[in-house]
Amino acid sequence: MGCDIHAHLEIKIVPKDFREQVKGALSQSTGWYYYSPVKIHRNYHLFSFMANVRNYDKQIRPLDDPRGIPEDASLITRMERDAWGMDGHSHSWLGLDELVLLKNYCIKNKMISWGSYKDEDFEPFLNVYLFGNYITSLKEHPEEYPSELDDVRLVFWFDN
């Protein structure tokens, strides 16, 4: 039986305007918002590195073991997770620093299932752009993103 990944990109917004901050506090908003689903093709080498899933021979040192869904996950991500019920497993997430490590690992290991890294101008990392830019460039070039954008993370789980 095969194992697939279900991934969702979330962003953390910090409002510039004080009134918006107060509204967020009153509504108990976590600041994390759903941005986009992310299509990642089945790749057990990748799953092993991301969350120690299908790491049969333990040859791959993972970024971390599954951490669970963040308590402050967006409503849409939680709804998607709940829809998978007992079929979903090994729930986890990666922050921006880990996404940079993941991208570098994929380039180093020539994982081209997300597109050719020979021409990154045409293939965004994880097949999704973040406000028209690469997700990982938020780390090096935050000025290219809206000033309210504070952070990004990839929340994911697997099914068999």
Protein backbone atom coordinates (compact mmCIF):
# COMPACT_ATOMS: atom_id res chain seq x y z
CA MET A 1 0.00 0.00 0.00
CA GLY A 2 1.39 3.40 -0.95
CA CYS A 3 1.90 6.40 1.29
CA ASP A 4 0.98 9.92 0.15
CA ILE A 5 1.49 13.33 1.72
CA HIS A 6 -1.09 16.07 2.26
CA ALA A 7 0.56 19.45 2.69
CA HIS A 8 -0.69 22.96 3.35
CA LEU A 9 1.17 26.25 3.40
CA GLU A 10 0.28 28.63 6.21
CA ILE A 11 1.40 32.20 6.77
CA LYS A 12 1.60 34.29 9.91
CA ILE A 13 0.33 37.82 9.58
CA VAL A 14 1.17 40.64 11.96
CA PRO A 15 -1.11 43.60 11.22
CA LYS A 16 0.53 47.01 10.89
CA ASP A 17 -2.50 48.86 12.18
CA PHE A 18 -3.15 48.88 15.94
CA ARG A 19 -6.92 48.52 15.43
CA GLU A 20 -6.35 45.34 13.43
CA GLN A 21 -4.13 43.98 16.21
CA VAL A 22 -6.87 44.64 18.75
CA LYS A 23 -9.48 42.96 16.51
CA GLY A 24 -7.19 39.94 16.18
CA ALA A 25 -6.73 39.74 19.95
CA LEU A 26 -10.48 40.02 20.57
CA SER A 27 -11.29 37.35 18.00
CA GLN A 28 -8.57 35.10 19.46
CA SER A 29 -6.96 34.86 16.04
CA THR A 30 -3.69 32.93 16.16
CA GLY A 31 -2.18 35.02 13.40
CA TRP A 32 -1.72 31.90 11.23
CA TYR A 33 -3.74 31.82 8.03
CA TYR A 34 -4.21 29.24 5.32
CA TYR A 35 -2.33 30.24 2.17
CA SER A 36 -2.36 27.31 -0.25
CA PRO A 37 -2.51 23.56 -0.65
CA VAL A 38 0.85 22.15 -1.72
CA LYS A 39 1.16 19.26 -4.18
CA ILE A 40 4.08 17.00 -3.28
CA HIS A 41 4.49 13.82 -5.26
CA ARG A 42 5.08 10.48 -3.55
CA ASN A 43 8.76 10.20 -2.70
CA TYR A 44 9.76 8.02 0.26
CA HIS A 45 13.27 9.46 0.33
CA LEU A 46 11.72 12.88 0.78
CA PHE A 47 9.19 11.65 3.36
CA SER A 48 12.04 10.10 5.33
CA PHE A 49 13.92 13.39 5.41
CA MET A 50 10.86 15.49 6.24
CA ALA A 51 9.44 13.43 9.10
CA ASN A 52 11.11 10.01 9.35
CA VAL A 53 8.17 8.43 7.47
CA ARG A 54 8.97 5.30 5.40
CA ASN A 55 12.61 5.55 6.52
CA TYR A 56 12.93 1.75 6.48
CA ASP A 57 16.69 1.38 6.47
CA LYS A 58 17.25 4.40 8.74
CA GLN A 59 19.88 5.65 6.29
CA ILE A 60 18.34 9.12 6.15
CA ARG A 61 18.70 11.48 9.08
CA PRO A 62 15.33 13.29 9.25
CA LEU A 63 14.78 16.94 10.04
CA ASP A 64 12.61 15.71 12.92
CA ASP A 65 10.14 13.01 13.88
CA PRO A 66 6.44 13.88 13.44
CA ARG A 67 5.52 16.75 15.79
CA GLY A 68 1.75 16.77 15.40
CA ILE A 69 -0.37 19.57 13.99
CA PRO A 70 0.46 22.94 15.56
CA GLU A 71 -2.07 23.97 18.20
CA ASP A 72 -2.50 27.28 16.39
CA ALA A 73 -3.02 25.74 12.93
CA SER A 74 -5.44 27.57 10.67
CA LEU A 75 -9.08 26.52 10.61
CA ILE A 76 -8.84 25.22 7.03
CA THR A 77 -5.78 23.10 7.80
CA ARG A 78 -7.53 21.62 10.84
CA MET A 79 -10.64 20.90 8.77
CA GLU A 80 -8.53 19.14 6.13
CA ARG A 81 -6.78 17.10 8.83
CA ASP A 82 -10.10 16.14 10.42
CA ALA A 83 -11.47 15.03 7.04
CA TRP A 84 -8.74 12.37 6.87
CA GLY A 85 -9.67 11.02 10.30
CA MET A 86 -7.93 7.79 11.26
CA ASP A 87 -6.42 7.44 7.77
CA GLY A 88 -4.15 10.43 8.40
CA HIS A 89 -0.95 9.79 10.34
CA SER A 90 2.45 11.22 11.21
CA HIS A 91 1.18 14.81 11.36
CA SER A 92 3.93 17.39 11.40
CA TRP A 93 5.12 20.80 10.22
CA LEU A 94 8.27 22.58 9.06
CA GLY A 95 9.12 26.21 9.72
CA LEU A 96 10.92 28.59 7.38
CA ASP A 97 14.45 27.59 8.44
CA GLU A 98 13.58 23.93 7.89
CA LEU A 99 12.01 24.70 4.51
CA VAL A 100 15.34 26.23 3.48
CA LEU A 101 17.10 23.04 4.63
CA LEU A 102 14.53 20.96 2.76
CA LYS A 103 15.02 22.89 -0.45
CA ASN A 104 18.80 22.57 -0.23
CA TYR A 105 18.48 18.85 0.49
CA CYS A 106 16.25 18.38 -2.56
CA ILE A 107 18.67 20.24 -4.78
CA LYS A 108 21.66 18.27 -3.41
CA ASN A 109 19.90 14.94 -3.90
CA LYS A 110 18.52 15.86 -7.32
CA MET A 111 14.91 15.30 -6.33
CA ILE A 112 13.26 16.63 -9.41
CA SER A 113 9.69 15.53 -8.70
CA TRP A 114 8.86 19.18 -7.94
CA GLY A 115 10.40 20.38 -11.16
CA SER A 116 13.83 20.90 -12.59
CA TYR A 117 16.23 22.80 -10.35
CA LYS A 118 18.34 23.53 -13.41
CA ASP A 119 15.92 26.30 -14.25
CA GLU A 120 14.39 27.56 -11.02
CA ASP A 121 12.92 30.57 -12.80
CA PHE A 122 10.18 28.29 -14.10
CA GLU A 123 9.67 25.89 -11.20
CA PRO A 124 8.86 27.23 -7.74
CA PHE A 125 9.91 25.22 -4.70
CA LEU A 126 7.01 22.99 -3.59
CA ASN A 127 5.14 24.04 -6.75
CA VAL A 128 3.81 27.16 -5.06
CA TYR A 129 4.85 30.80 -4.93
CA LEU A 130 4.42 32.96 -1.86
CA PHE A 131 3.17 36.41 -2.92
CA GLY A 132 4.83 35.92 -6.30
CA ASN A 133 8.22 34.87 -4.87
CA TYR A 134 9.88 31.66 -3.74
CA ILE A 135 8.85 30.55 -0.27
CA THR A 136 12.43 30.24 0.94
CA SER A 137 13.48 33.69 -0.28
CA LEU A 138 11.46 35.15 2.61
CA LYS A 139 14.51 34.31 4.73
CA GLU A 140 17.02 36.21 2.59
CA HIS A 141 14.80 38.92 1.07
CA PRO A 142 11.94 39.80 3.44
CA GLU A 143 11.65 43.21 1.76
CA GLU A 144 10.15 41.47 -1.30
CA TYR A 145 7.07 40.42 0.69
CA PRO A 146 4.21 42.34 2.31
CA SER A 147 5.41 43.91 5.55
CA GLU A 148 2.61 42.15 7.47
CA LEU A 149 4.01 38.72 6.55
CA ASP A 150 5.85 37.51 9.63
CA ASP A 151 6.43 33.79 9.05
CA VAL A 152 5.56 30.74 6.94
CA ARG A 153 5.25 27.03 7.66
CA LEU A 154 4.33 23.83 5.90
CA VAL A 155 1.83 21.66 7.79
CA PHE A 156 1.47 18.10 6.56
CA TRP A 157 0.47 14.50 7.25
CA PHE A 158 0.47 11.20 5.44
CA ASP A 159 -2.04 8.51 4.49
CA ASN A 160 -1.67 4.88 3.43
